[in-house]
Amino acid sequence: MDYVKQSDLLKALAHPVRLRMVEGLLGHECHVDRMVRGLGLPQSTVSQHLGVLKSKGIVQVRKEGVKTCYKVLHPAVAKIVAALGK
């Protein structure tokens, strides 16, 4: 096991906003503007959190015209979120 990589994954998920974002992205894509409205946070804050998730390989980015869509990419994330929900 790569302990450093796994630790980095858990650190990225350890923030309440990022954990909420990941839970919302499980199973479907979402545009940044929808996340901003849903979370009630400024666009810059949402983008910073998404940047952390992207840098750790947790989310995947897809451009749709001028909009940016995100979805969970990392296979272990769904299991981690499910375990936390128990």
N, C-alpha and C. Protein backbone atom coordinates (compact mmCIF):
# COMPACT_ATOMS: atom_id res chain seq x y z
N MET A 1 0.84 -1.18 0.00
CA MET A 1 0.00 0.00 0.00
C MET A 1 0.89 1.24 0.00
N ASP A 2 0.48 2.23 -0.76
CA ASP A 2 1.18 3.52 -0.78
C ASP A 2 0.55 4.41 0.28
N TYR A 3 1.16 4.42 1.46
CA TYR A 3 0.59 5.12 2.61
C TYR A 3 0.53 6.64 2.40
N VAL A 4 1.49 7.18 1.72
CA VAL A 4 1.49 8.62 1.46
C VAL A 4 0.31 8.99 0.56
N LYS A 5 0.12 8.23 -0.49
CA LYS A 5 -0.97 8.49 -1.43
C LYS A 5 -2.33 8.33 -0.75
N GLN A 6 -2.48 7.28 0.04
CA GLN A 6 -3.75 7.06 0.73
C GLN A 6 -4.01 8.14 1.78
N SER A 7 -2.97 8.58 2.45
CA SER A 7 -3.09 9.65 3.43
C SER A 7 -3.51 10.96 2.76
N ASP A 8 -2.93 11.25 1.59
CA ASP A 8 -3.30 12.45 0.84
C ASP A 8 -4.77 12.40 0.42
N LEU A 9 -5.25 11.23 0.02
CA LEU A 9 -6.65 11.06 -0.34
C LEU A 9 -7.55 11.38 0.85
N LEU A 10 -7.21 10.83 2.01
CA LEU A 10 -8.01 11.07 3.21
C LEU A 10 -7.95 12.53 3.65
N LYS A 11 -6.81 13.16 3.51
CA LYS A 11 -6.70 14.59 3.86
C LYS A 11 -7.60 15.44 2.98
N ALA A 12 -7.65 15.11 1.70
CA ALA A 12 -8.50 15.87 0.78
C ALA A 12 -9.97 15.71 1.14
N LEU A 13 -10.36 14.54 1.60
CA LEU A 13 -11.75 14.28 1.98
C LEU A 13 -12.08 14.78 3.38
N ALA A 14 -11.08 15.15 4.15
CA ALA A 14 -11.28 15.49 5.56
C ALA A 14 -11.98 16.82 5.79
N HIS A 15 -12.10 17.66 4.80
CA HIS A 15 -12.77 18.95 4.96
C HIS A 15 -14.28 18.75 4.78
N PRO A 16 -15.11 19.31 5.65
CA PRO A 16 -16.55 19.09 5.56
C PRO A 16 -17.17 19.51 4.22
N VAL A 17 -16.71 20.61 3.65
CA VAL A 17 -17.26 21.07 2.37
C VAL A 17 -16.87 20.10 1.26
N ARG A 18 -15.62 19.66 1.24
CA ARG A 18 -15.18 18.74 0.19
C ARG A 18 -15.89 17.39 0.33
N LEU A 19 -16.10 16.95 1.54
CA LEU A 19 -16.80 15.69 1.76
C LEU A 19 -18.24 15.80 1.27
N ARG A 20 -18.88 16.92 1.53
CA ARG A 20 -20.25 17.14 1.04
C ARG A 20 -20.28 17.20 -0.50
N MET A 21 -19.28 17.85 -1.08
CA MET A 21 -19.20 17.93 -2.54
C MET A 21 -19.05 16.54 -3.15
N VAL A 22 -18.16 15.76 -2.60
CA VAL A 22 -17.92 14.41 -3.12
C VAL A 22 -19.17 13.56 -2.99
N GLU A 23 -19.84 13.65 -1.85
CA GLU A 23 -21.06 12.87 -1.66
C GLU A 23 -22.11 13.25 -2.71
N GLY A 24 -22.21 14.54 -3.01
CA GLY A 24 -23.16 14.99 -4.02
C GLY A 24 -22.78 14.59 -5.44
N LEU A 25 -21.49 14.40 -5.68
CA LEU A 25 -21.01 14.05 -7.02
C LEU A 25 -20.99 12.54 -7.28
N LEU A 26 -21.22 11.76 -6.26
CA LEU A 26 -21.21 10.30 -6.45
C LEU A 26 -22.38 9.91 -7.35
N GLY A 27 -22.08 9.28 -8.44
CA GLY A 27 -23.10 8.77 -9.33
C GLY A 27 -23.56 9.70 -10.43
N HIS A 28 -23.15 10.98 -10.39
CA HIS A 28 -23.53 11.88 -11.48
C HIS A 28 -22.60 13.07 -11.55
N GLU A 29 -22.68 13.76 -12.70
CA GLU A 29 -21.88 14.97 -12.90
C GLU A 29 -22.64 16.19 -12.39
N CYS A 30 -21.90 17.24 -12.15
CA CYS A 30 -22.52 18.49 -11.71
C CYS A 30 -21.69 19.67 -12.19
N HIS A 31 -22.38 20.74 -12.58
CA HIS A 31 -21.73 21.99 -12.98
C HIS A 31 -21.35 22.78 -11.73
N VAL A 32 -20.30 23.57 -11.85
CA VAL A 32 -19.84 24.40 -10.74
C VAL A 32 -20.94 25.33 -10.26
N ASP A 33 -21.68 25.94 -11.18
CA ASP A 33 -22.71 26.89 -10.76
C ASP A 33 -23.80 26.23 -9.91
N ARG A 34 -24.10 24.98 -10.21
CA ARG A 34 -25.08 24.25 -9.40
C ARG A 34 -24.53 23.98 -8.00
N MET A 35 -23.24 23.66 -7.92
CA MET A 35 -22.62 23.44 -6.60
C MET A 35 -22.60 24.72 -5.78
N VAL A 36 -22.32 25.83 -6.44
CA VAL A 36 -22.30 27.13 -5.76
C VAL A 36 -23.67 27.40 -5.14
N ARG A 37 -24.72 27.20 -5.92
CA ARG A 37 -26.08 27.42 -5.41
C ARG A 37 -26.41 26.44 -4.28
N GLY A 38 -26.08 25.17 -4.47
CA GLY A 38 -26.40 24.14 -3.49
C GLY A 38 -25.66 24.28 -2.18
N LEU A 39 -24.41 24.71 -2.27
CA LEU A 39 -23.59 24.84 -1.06
C LEU A 39 -23.73 26.21 -0.41
N GLY A 40 -24.20 27.19 -1.19
CA GLY A 40 -24.32 28.55 -0.65
C GLY A 40 -22.98 29.19 -0.37
N LEU A 41 -21.99 28.84 -1.18
CA LEU A 41 -20.64 29.37 -1.02
C LEU A 41 -20.25 30.17 -2.26
N PRO A 42 -19.30 31.09 -2.13
CA PRO A 42 -18.82 31.82 -3.31
C PRO A 42 -18.18 30.88 -4.32
N GLN A 43 -18.26 31.26 -5.58
CA GLN A 43 -17.70 30.45 -6.65
C GLN A 43 -16.22 30.21 -6.45
N SER A 44 -15.50 31.21 -5.96
CA SER A 44 -14.06 31.04 -5.76
C SER A 44 -13.76 29.98 -4.71
N THR A 45 -14.56 29.92 -3.66
CA THR A 45 -14.37 28.92 -2.61
C THR A 45 -14.64 27.52 -3.14
N VAL A 46 -15.72 27.37 -3.88
CA VAL A 46 -16.06 26.07 -4.48
C VAL A 46 -14.95 25.63 -5.43
N SER A 47 -14.46 26.55 -6.23
CA SER A 47 -13.38 26.23 -7.18
C SER A 47 -12.11 25.81 -6.46
N GLN A 48 -11.79 26.45 -5.34
CA GLN A 48 -10.60 26.06 -4.58
C GLN A 48 -10.73 24.63 -4.06
N HIS A 49 -11.90 24.30 -3.52
CA HIS A 49 -12.12 22.95 -3.02
C HIS A 49 -12.07 21.93 -4.16
N LEU A 50 -12.67 22.26 -5.29
CA LEU A 50 -12.61 21.36 -6.44
C LEU A 50 -11.18 21.18 -6.93
N GLY A 51 -10.37 22.22 -6.84
CA GLY A 51 -8.96 22.11 -7.21
C GLY A 51 -8.22 21.11 -6.36
N VAL A 52 -8.51 21.10 -5.07
CA VAL A 52 -7.89 20.12 -4.17
C VAL A 52 -8.33 18.71 -4.55
N LEU A 53 -9.62 18.53 -4.77
CA LEU A 53 -10.13 17.21 -5.14
C LEU A 53 -9.56 16.74 -6.48
N LYS A 54 -9.42 17.66 -7.41
CA LYS A 54 -8.85 17.31 -8.71
C LYS A 54 -7.37 16.94 -8.59
N SER A 55 -6.64 17.69 -7.79
CA SER A 55 -5.20 17.44 -7.66
C SER A 55 -4.90 16.07 -7.04
N LYS A 56 -5.83 15.55 -6.27
CA LYS A 56 -5.64 14.24 -5.63
C LYS A 56 -6.28 13.11 -6.44
N GLY A 57 -6.80 13.44 -7.64
CA GLY A 57 -7.38 12.42 -8.50
C GLY A 57 -8.73 11.92 -8.05
N ILE A 58 -9.42 12.71 -7.24
CA ILE A 58 -10.72 12.30 -6.72
C ILE A 58 -11.83 12.62 -7.71
N VAL A 59 -11.74 13.77 -8.35
CA VAL A 59 -12.76 14.15 -9.33
C VAL A 59 -12.14 14.32 -10.71
N GLN A 60 -12.99 14.16 -11.69
CA GLN A 60 -12.61 14.34 -13.09
C GLN A 60 -13.35 15.56 -13.62
N VAL A 61 -12.68 16.31 -14.48
CA VAL A 61 -13.23 17.54 -15.03
C VAL A 61 -13.56 17.34 -16.51
N ARG A 62 -14.71 17.89 -16.91
CA ARG A 62 -15.11 17.86 -18.31
C ARG A 62 -15.69 19.23 -18.65
N LYS A 63 -15.21 19.80 -19.74
CA LYS A 63 -15.70 21.10 -20.21
C LYS A 63 -16.91 20.87 -21.10
N GLU A 64 -17.93 21.68 -20.87
CA GLU A 64 -19.15 21.65 -21.69
C GLU A 64 -19.43 23.09 -22.10
N GLY A 65 -18.84 23.49 -23.21
CA GLY A 65 -18.92 24.90 -23.61
C GLY A 65 -18.17 25.76 -22.61
N VAL A 66 -18.86 26.70 -22.02
CA VAL A 66 -18.23 27.57 -21.03
C VAL A 66 -18.36 27.01 -19.62
N LYS A 67 -19.16 25.95 -19.46
CA LYS A 67 -19.37 25.35 -18.15
C LYS A 67 -18.37 24.23 -17.90
N THR A 68 -18.05 24.04 -16.64
CA THR A 68 -17.16 22.97 -16.23
C THR A 68 -17.96 21.97 -15.39
N CYS A 69 -17.88 20.70 -15.76
CA CYS A 69 -18.61 19.64 -15.07
C CYS A 69 -17.61 18.77 -14.29
N TYR A 70 -18.05 18.29 -13.15
CA TYR A 70 -17.21 17.44 -12.31
C TYR A 70 -17.95 16.16 -11.97
N LYS A 71 -17.19 15.08 -11.81
CA LYS A 71 -17.74 13.83 -11.29
C LYS A 71 -16.63 13.09 -10.55
N VAL A 72 -17.03 12.22 -9.63
CA VAL A 72 -16.07 11.45 -8.85
C VAL A 72 -15.42 10.42 -9.75
N LEU A 73 -14.11 10.37 -9.71
CA LEU A 73 -13.33 9.45 -10.54
C LEU A 73 -12.71 8.32 -9.71
N HIS A 74 -12.27 8.63 -8.51
CA HIS A 74 -11.52 7.67 -7.69
C HIS A 74 -12.43 6.54 -7.22
N PRO A 75 -12.07 5.30 -7.48
CA PRO A 75 -12.94 4.17 -7.15
C PRO A 75 -13.16 3.93 -5.66
N ALA A 76 -12.23 4.31 -4.82
CA ALA A 76 -12.36 4.04 -3.38
C ALA A 76 -13.22 5.07 -2.66
N VAL A 77 -13.47 6.20 -3.29
CA VAL A 77 -14.16 7.30 -2.62
C VAL A 77 -15.58 6.91 -2.21
N ALA A 78 -16.30 6.21 -3.07
CA ALA A 78 -17.67 5.79 -2.73
C ALA A 78 -17.68 4.90 -1.50
N LYS A 79 -16.70 4.02 -1.39
CA LYS A 79 -16.60 3.13 -0.23
C LYS A 79 -16.29 3.92 1.04
N ILE A 80 -15.43 4.91 0.92
CA ILE A 80 -15.07 5.72 2.09
C ILE A 80 -16.29 6.52 2.56
N VAL A 81 -17.00 7.15 1.63
CA VAL A 81 -18.18 7.93 1.99
C VAL A 81 -19.25 7.03 2.60
N ALA A 82 -19.43 5.85 2.04
CA ALA A 82 -20.41 4.91 2.58
C ALA A 82 -20.04 4.48 4.00
N ALA A 83 -18.77 4.24 4.23
CA ALA A 83 -18.32 3.84 5.56
C ALA A 83 -18.54 4.96 6.58
N LEU A 84 -18.35 6.20 6.16
CA LEU A 84 -18.56 7.33 7.07
C LEU A 84 -20.03 7.53 7.39
N GLY A 85 -20.91 7.12 6.48
CA GLY A 85 -22.34 7.31 6.68
C GLY A 85 -22.97 6.28 7.60
N LYS A 86 -22.22 5.28 8.00
CA LYS A 86 -22.76 4.22 8.86
C LYS A 86 -22.81 4.64 10.30
